[in-house]
Amino acid sequence: MPEVQRGLNRDTGLDRALMVDGNAVAGLLYEIFAMEVTTSEIECVSCVRRAEIGSLLAFTQAPGVVLCCPRCESIVIRIVKTPGAIYLDVRGVTYLRLDNLSRG
């Protein structure tokens, strides 16, 4: 797994020492989408950066998972799993591109 740049961002307060790359939550994403999505493209609402979900910064040291844009450090995706449901907040995404697997 690629290492992310470490250190505290004085502007946002985001401590990259606590982050891993988005590939670390591949299993949880598969559970939600029932397909591999770490290579799916997203666009950040804040800075319009386009990249794969796996390249996002993942904060997993909480009750849920927070995925942030590595360019602007804005929150892109939040995921909370409870005994009865999974809550998915994608307000930080302009779009999520999922490949059509049934190319027929």
N, C-alpha and C. Protein backbone atom coordinates (compact mmCIF):
# COMPACT_ATOMS: atom_id res chain seq x y z
N MET A 1 0.85 -1.17 0.00
CA MET A 1 0.00 0.00 0.00
C MET A 1 0.89 1.23 0.00
N PRO A 2 0.67 2.19 -0.92
CA PRO A 2 1.48 3.39 -0.97
C PRO A 2 1.32 4.22 0.30
N GLU A 3 2.40 4.81 0.73
CA GLU A 3 2.37 5.65 1.92
C GLU A 3 1.97 7.06 1.53
N VAL A 4 1.16 7.70 2.35
CA VAL A 4 0.76 9.08 2.09
C VAL A 4 1.75 10.02 2.76
N GLN A 5 1.81 11.26 2.30
CA GLN A 5 2.68 12.26 2.89
C GLN A 5 2.27 12.48 4.34
N ARG A 6 3.25 12.43 5.24
CA ARG A 6 2.96 12.52 6.67
C ARG A 6 3.10 13.95 7.18
N GLY A 7 2.36 14.27 8.26
CA GLY A 7 2.49 15.55 8.94
C GLY A 7 1.16 16.25 9.12
N LEU A 8 1.16 17.21 10.03
CA LEU A 8 -0.04 17.98 10.35
C LEU A 8 -0.13 19.18 9.43
N ASN A 9 -1.29 19.35 8.80
CA ASN A 9 -1.54 20.52 7.97
C ASN A 9 -2.04 21.62 8.90
N ARG A 10 -1.28 22.69 9.00
CA ARG A 10 -1.63 23.78 9.92
C ARG A 10 -2.90 24.51 9.50
N ASP A 11 -3.23 24.50 8.22
CA ASP A 11 -4.43 25.19 7.75
C ASP A 11 -5.71 24.41 8.04
N THR A 12 -5.68 23.09 7.82
CA THR A 12 -6.89 22.28 7.97
C THR A 12 -6.94 21.50 9.27
N GLY A 13 -5.81 21.32 9.93
CA GLY A 13 -5.77 20.52 11.14
C GLY A 13 -5.76 19.03 10.87
N LEU A 14 -5.66 18.64 9.61
CA LEU A 14 -5.67 17.23 9.23
C LEU A 14 -4.29 16.63 9.50
N ASP A 15 -4.24 15.59 10.31
CA ASP A 15 -2.98 14.93 10.64
C ASP A 15 -2.79 13.73 9.72
N ARG A 16 -1.95 13.89 8.73
CA ARG A 16 -1.74 12.82 7.76
C ARG A 16 -1.05 11.60 8.35
N ALA A 17 -0.49 11.73 9.53
CA ALA A 17 0.12 10.57 10.19
C ALA A 17 -0.93 9.54 10.56
N LEU A 18 -2.18 9.97 10.67
CA LEU A 18 -3.28 9.07 11.02
C LEU A 18 -4.00 8.53 9.79
N MET A 19 -3.53 8.88 8.61
CA MET A 19 -4.22 8.52 7.37
C MET A 19 -3.50 7.37 6.66
N VAL A 20 -4.29 6.60 5.91
CA VAL A 20 -3.77 5.60 4.97
C VAL A 20 -4.41 5.90 3.62
N ASP A 21 -3.98 5.23 2.57
CA ASP A 21 -4.63 5.51 1.29
C ASP A 21 -5.97 4.79 1.22
N GLY A 22 -6.81 5.24 0.29
CA GLY A 22 -8.17 4.75 0.16
C GLY A 22 -8.29 3.26 -0.10
N ASN A 23 -7.23 2.63 -0.58
CA ASN A 23 -7.27 1.18 -0.82
C ASN A 23 -7.46 0.40 0.48
N ALA A 24 -7.15 1.02 1.61
CA ALA A 24 -7.29 0.35 2.91
C ALA A 24 -8.75 0.04 3.25
N VAL A 25 -9.68 0.71 2.61
CA VAL A 25 -11.11 0.47 2.88
C VAL A 25 -11.78 -0.25 1.71
N ALA A 26 -11.00 -0.94 0.90
CA ALA A 26 -11.53 -1.66 -0.27
C ALA A 26 -12.61 -2.66 0.12
N GLY A 27 -12.42 -3.38 1.21
CA GLY A 27 -13.40 -4.38 1.64
C GLY A 27 -14.73 -3.76 2.01
N LEU A 28 -14.69 -2.66 2.73
CA LEU A 28 -15.92 -1.95 3.11
C LEU A 28 -16.62 -1.39 1.88
N LEU A 29 -15.87 -0.84 0.95
CA LEU A 29 -16.46 -0.31 -0.28
C LEU A 29 -17.10 -1.43 -1.10
N TYR A 30 -16.44 -2.59 -1.13
CA TYR A 30 -17.01 -3.75 -1.84
C TYR A 30 -18.33 -4.18 -1.18
N GLU A 31 -18.36 -4.13 0.14
CA GLU A 31 -19.58 -4.50 0.85
C GLU A 31 -20.74 -3.57 0.48
N ILE A 32 -20.45 -2.31 0.26
CA ILE A 32 -21.48 -1.33 -0.09
C ILE A 32 -21.91 -1.45 -1.55
N PHE A 33 -20.94 -1.51 -2.46
CA PHE A 33 -21.24 -1.45 -3.89
C PHE A 33 -21.32 -2.81 -4.58
N ALA A 34 -20.91 -3.88 -3.90
CA ALA A 34 -20.90 -5.24 -4.45
C ALA A 34 -20.06 -5.32 -5.72
N MET A 35 -19.03 -4.51 -5.78
CA MET A 35 -18.05 -4.54 -6.87
C MET A 35 -16.80 -3.79 -6.43
N GLU A 36 -15.71 -4.01 -7.10
CA GLU A 36 -14.45 -3.32 -6.83
C GLU A 36 -14.58 -1.88 -7.30
N VAL A 37 -14.41 -0.91 -6.38
CA VAL A 37 -14.56 0.50 -6.76
C VAL A 37 -13.34 1.35 -6.46
N THR A 38 -12.26 0.77 -5.95
CA THR A 38 -11.09 1.60 -5.64
C THR A 38 -10.48 2.23 -6.89
N THR A 39 -10.73 1.66 -8.05
CA THR A 39 -10.23 2.24 -9.29
C THR A 39 -11.27 3.12 -9.99
N SER A 40 -12.44 3.26 -9.38
CA SER A 40 -13.49 4.11 -9.94
C SER A 40 -13.14 5.58 -9.74
N GLU A 41 -13.47 6.38 -10.73
CA GLU A 41 -13.13 7.80 -10.70
C GLU A 41 -14.17 8.61 -9.93
N ILE A 42 -13.68 9.55 -9.13
CA ILE A 42 -14.54 10.52 -8.47
C ILE A 42 -14.02 11.91 -8.82
N GLU A 43 -14.88 12.90 -8.57
CA GLU A 43 -14.44 14.29 -8.70
C GLU A 43 -14.77 15.00 -7.39
N CYS A 44 -13.78 15.66 -6.81
CA CYS A 44 -13.93 16.40 -5.56
C CYS A 44 -14.75 17.67 -5.81
N VAL A 45 -15.77 17.89 -4.99
CA VAL A 45 -16.60 19.08 -5.11
C VAL A 45 -15.78 20.35 -4.86
N SER A 46 -14.86 20.29 -3.92
CA SER A 46 -14.13 21.49 -3.50
C SER A 46 -13.08 21.98 -4.48
N CYS A 47 -12.26 21.05 -5.00
CA CYS A 47 -11.15 21.48 -5.86
C CYS A 47 -11.22 20.92 -7.28
N VAL A 48 -12.25 20.14 -7.58
CA VAL A 48 -12.50 19.56 -8.91
C VAL A 48 -11.41 18.56 -9.32
N ARG A 49 -10.69 18.02 -8.35
CA ARG A 49 -9.68 17.00 -8.64
C ARG A 49 -10.39 15.71 -9.03
N ARG A 50 -9.95 15.10 -10.13
CA ARG A 50 -10.47 13.81 -10.58
C ARG A 50 -9.41 12.76 -10.30
N ALA A 51 -9.84 11.68 -9.65
CA ALA A 51 -8.89 10.61 -9.32
C ALA A 51 -9.64 9.36 -8.89
N GLU A 52 -8.90 8.28 -8.72
CA GLU A 52 -9.49 7.03 -8.26
C GLU A 52 -9.78 7.09 -6.77
N ILE A 53 -10.81 6.40 -6.33
CA ILE A 53 -11.16 6.35 -4.92
C ILE A 53 -9.96 5.86 -4.09
N GLY A 54 -9.22 4.93 -4.62
CA GLY A 54 -8.07 4.39 -3.89
C GLY A 54 -6.98 5.40 -3.60
N SER A 55 -6.99 6.52 -4.30
CA SER A 55 -5.97 7.55 -4.06
C SER A 55 -6.37 8.55 -2.99
N LEU A 56 -7.61 8.44 -2.47
CA LEU A 56 -8.05 9.35 -1.42
C LEU A 56 -7.34 9.03 -0.11
N LEU A 57 -7.32 9.99 0.80
CA LEU A 57 -6.76 9.79 2.13
C LEU A 57 -7.85 9.21 3.01
N ALA A 58 -7.57 8.10 3.68
CA ALA A 58 -8.58 7.43 4.51
C ALA A 58 -8.22 7.57 5.98
N PHE A 59 -9.16 8.10 6.75
CA PHE A 59 -9.03 8.17 8.19
C PHE A 59 -9.93 7.09 8.76
N THR A 60 -9.32 6.08 9.38
CA THR A 60 -10.08 4.93 9.85
C THR A 60 -10.09 4.83 11.37
N GLN A 61 -9.52 5.81 12.06
CA GLN A 61 -9.42 5.78 13.52
C GLN A 61 -10.63 6.44 14.18
N ALA A 62 -11.81 6.09 13.75
CA ALA A 62 -13.04 6.69 14.27
C ALA A 62 -14.15 5.65 14.24
N PRO A 63 -15.32 6.00 14.71
CA PRO A 63 -16.45 5.07 14.60
C PRO A 63 -16.79 4.73 13.15
N GLY A 64 -16.39 5.57 12.24
CA GLY A 64 -16.62 5.32 10.81
C GLY A 64 -15.35 5.58 10.03
N VAL A 65 -15.51 5.73 8.73
CA VAL A 65 -14.39 6.00 7.83
C VAL A 65 -14.63 7.34 7.17
N VAL A 66 -13.57 8.14 7.08
CA VAL A 66 -13.64 9.42 6.38
C VAL A 66 -12.60 9.39 5.27
N LEU A 67 -13.03 9.66 4.04
CA LEU A 67 -12.13 9.73 2.90
C LEU A 67 -12.00 11.20 2.48
N CYS A 68 -10.75 11.66 2.38
CA CYS A 68 -10.48 13.06 2.06
C CYS A 68 -9.70 13.18 0.76
N CYS A 69 -9.87 14.31 0.10
CA CYS A 69 -9.12 14.63 -1.11
C CYS A 69 -7.67 14.92 -0.72
N PRO A 70 -6.69 14.28 -1.36
CA PRO A 70 -5.30 14.54 -1.01
C PRO A 70 -4.81 15.92 -1.48
N ARG A 71 -5.51 16.55 -2.40
CA ARG A 71 -5.10 17.88 -2.86
C ARG A 71 -5.56 18.97 -1.90
N CYS A 72 -6.87 19.03 -1.64
CA CYS A 72 -7.41 20.13 -0.82
C CYS A 72 -7.77 19.69 0.59
N GLU A 73 -7.72 18.39 0.86
CA GLU A 73 -7.99 17.79 2.16
C GLU A 73 -9.45 17.93 2.61
N SER A 74 -10.34 18.25 1.69
CA SER A 74 -11.77 18.31 2.01
C SER A 74 -12.32 16.89 2.19
N ILE A 75 -13.33 16.76 3.02
CA ILE A 75 -13.98 15.46 3.20
C ILE A 75 -14.79 15.16 1.95
N VAL A 76 -14.55 13.99 1.38
CA VAL A 76 -15.21 13.59 0.14
C VAL A 76 -16.30 12.56 0.42
N ILE A 77 -15.98 11.55 1.22
CA ILE A 77 -16.91 10.46 1.53
C ILE A 77 -16.83 10.14 3.01
N ARG A 78 -17.99 9.89 3.63
CA ARG A 78 -18.06 9.41 5.01
C ARG A 78 -18.85 8.11 5.00
N ILE A 79 -18.36 7.13 5.77
CA ILE A 79 -19.05 5.84 5.86
C ILE A 79 -19.13 5.45 7.34
N VAL A 80 -20.34 5.14 7.80
CA VAL A 80 -20.52 4.64 9.15
C VAL A 80 -21.32 3.35 9.06
N LYS A 81 -20.78 2.30 9.68
CA LYS A 81 -21.45 1.00 9.68
C LYS A 81 -21.98 0.74 11.10
N THR A 82 -23.29 0.50 11.19
CA THR A 82 -23.93 0.17 12.46
C THR A 82 -24.45 -1.27 12.37
N PRO A 83 -24.91 -1.83 13.47
CA PRO A 83 -25.45 -3.19 13.39
C PRO A 83 -26.62 -3.34 12.41
N GLY A 84 -27.37 -2.26 12.19
CA GLY A 84 -28.54 -2.37 11.34
C GLY A 84 -28.44 -1.72 9.98
N ALA A 85 -27.37 -0.94 9.72
CA ALA A 85 -27.31 -0.20 8.45
C ALA A 85 -25.90 0.30 8.17
N ILE A 86 -25.70 0.71 6.93
CA ILE A 86 -24.48 1.41 6.54
C ILE A 86 -24.92 2.77 6.05
N TYR A 87 -24.32 3.82 6.61
CA TYR A 87 -24.62 5.19 6.20
C TYR A 87 -23.49 5.68 5.29
N LEU A 88 -23.85 6.15 4.11
CA LEU A 88 -22.89 6.60 3.11
C LEU A 88 -23.20 8.05 2.77
N ASP A 89 -22.26 8.94 3.07
CA ASP A 89 -22.41 10.37 2.79
C ASP A 89 -21.39 10.73 1.71
N VAL A 90 -21.87 11.12 0.54
CA VAL A 90 -20.99 11.45 -0.59
C VAL A 90 -21.16 12.90 -1.03
N ARG A 91 -21.47 13.78 -0.07
CA ARG A 91 -21.67 15.19 -0.41
C ARG A 91 -20.43 15.86 -0.99
N GLY A 92 -19.24 15.29 -0.74
CA GLY A 92 -18.01 15.88 -1.25
C GLY A 92 -17.63 15.42 -2.64
N VAL A 93 -18.52 14.64 -3.28
CA VAL A 93 -18.25 14.08 -4.60
C VAL A 93 -19.19 14.71 -5.63
N THR A 94 -18.63 15.23 -6.72
CA THR A 94 -19.46 15.72 -7.81
C THR A 94 -20.08 14.53 -8.53
N TYR A 95 -19.26 13.51 -8.78
CA TYR A 95 -19.76 12.27 -9.38
C TYR A 95 -18.86 11.11 -9.00
N LEU A 96 -19.39 9.92 -9.11
CA LEU A 96 -18.66 8.67 -8.96
C LEU A 96 -18.92 7.87 -10.22
N ARG A 97 -17.87 7.54 -10.94
CA ARG A 97 -18.01 6.79 -12.19
C ARG A 97 -17.82 5.31 -11.91
N LEU A 98 -18.85 4.50 -12.17
CA LEU A 98 -18.79 3.05 -12.03
C LEU A 98 -18.84 2.44 -13.41
N ASP A 99 -17.87 1.60 -13.72
CA ASP A 99 -17.86 0.93 -15.02
C ASP A 99 -19.01 -0.05 -15.13
N ASN A 100 -19.60 -0.12 -16.31
CA ASN A 100 -20.67 -1.06 -16.59
C ASN A 100 -20.05 -2.43 -16.81
N LEU A 101 -20.30 -3.34 -15.89
CA LEU A 101 -19.69 -4.67 -15.97
C LEU A 101 -20.44 -5.61 -16.91
N SER A 102 -21.64 -5.22 -17.32
CA SER A 102 -22.43 -6.08 -18.20
C SER A 102 -22.34 -5.62 -19.66
N ARG A 103 -21.17 -5.28 -20.07
CA ARG A 103 -20.97 -4.77 -21.44
C ARG A 103 -21.43 -5.82 -22.44
N GLY A 104 -22.60 -5.65 -22.91
CA GLY A 104 -23.14 -6.68 -23.76
C GLY A 104 -23.56 -6.24 -25.05
